[in-house]
Amino acid sequence: MSEKNDGANRDATKRSARERLLVERERQKTRDKRRRTLIVTAAVVGVLGLAAVVGVIAANTGKDGSSKAGPVVAPSGATGKDALAIQTGKAEAKSSLTVWEDFRCPACKVFEDQYRDVIHDLEAKGLLKVDYHLVTLIDAKMGGSGSLKAANAAACAQDAGKFTAYHDVLFQNQPQEIDDAYGKNAKLLELAGKVDGLDTPAFRKCVEDGTYNSWVTKSYEAFAAGNFRGTPSVLLNGKDIYAQANPMTPQKLKEQVEAAGKASGGSEAGAGAGNGKGEGEAKASPSTKSGAKASPSPSPSPTRTTSNGSSGSSSNSSSNGRSNGSSEN
């Protein structure tokens, strides 16, 4: 009888153990399911949180004008392909200067300081027009946003009819290349105070909103696609002034532009006097060879910009025409 009881007890014990094991397994499954649910929930929350952060960043990017995305809007009077140039001087001028510049570029400042007076004088005489293309080479090579913001501010000044004055002020007050002072709107607005009538609510809003950031970015893309050696890249009537065998100087620029103006004017006057008739026939004549002779610029050799604005040397630029900290495109 005792053996039967012992067997029954052992069977009961085994069943109890199996039942406890089954119960524990069910509990473990429940815990695992709960843990998986928590992990998935946390992952979803994390993704949503990241998306929210990215959204906030995207919403705030550009409030200081640093990298505002949006449609390309050109400033008032912009000209050239895709309206990427700001032109100064008279549109009918016989000579044209094309300048690719960066407001943070030291070599560009050297060019401006040396050529500024001659350029303004030739523009005032109606002999020269200048197409300025604003780029962001230093931002791209050294980081920061000063090139972009300064270019945007200059485009805002164009809307106000104050481009030339503000353009000159920016170069005259250019910070050190490694100092991204122009990356602060406050500095750009401070310098606007040096130009009579520029510091207005409309100008301030344009600067702070980064209205022309996309336009400046597109200008830089055109610069990169053009395979220019560096900034400044300057072309007189389509010819690189730094690629000539006889390097350009401010005085030579003055002489060439004035010669082109005189030759053009002389041919028209001669035609009018020769036929003894009114100006109609003379003006209808195409450009004569005398105009071609007046352009002494040699054919351009492979572009090798010196970026110094004068005779091919500058402490602020490298031998290949890029300012320190820059590299070839």
Foldseek 3Di string as FASTA:
>chain_A
DVVVVVVVVVVVVVVVVVVVVVVVVVVVVVVVVVVVVVVVVVVVVVVVVVVVVVVVCLVCPQLQLQANDDDADAFPPQDDVVSQWDKAADPPAPKEKEKEAFLLAPLQLLQCVFQVVLQVVCSVVRNYMYTYGQADQLCVLQNARLRLLLVQLLSLVVNVVRNVVLVNLSSVPHDHSNDSPSSGLVVSLVSLVVGPPRNDPSSSCSSSNNVRSVSRVVSNVVVLVVQAFAPTFMAMRRATQQQFPQHDGSVNVNQLSVLLVCLQVVQLVVVCVVVVDDSVVSVVDDDDVSNVVSHPTDHGDPHQALSNNHDRDDPQPDNSNYGPSGGGD
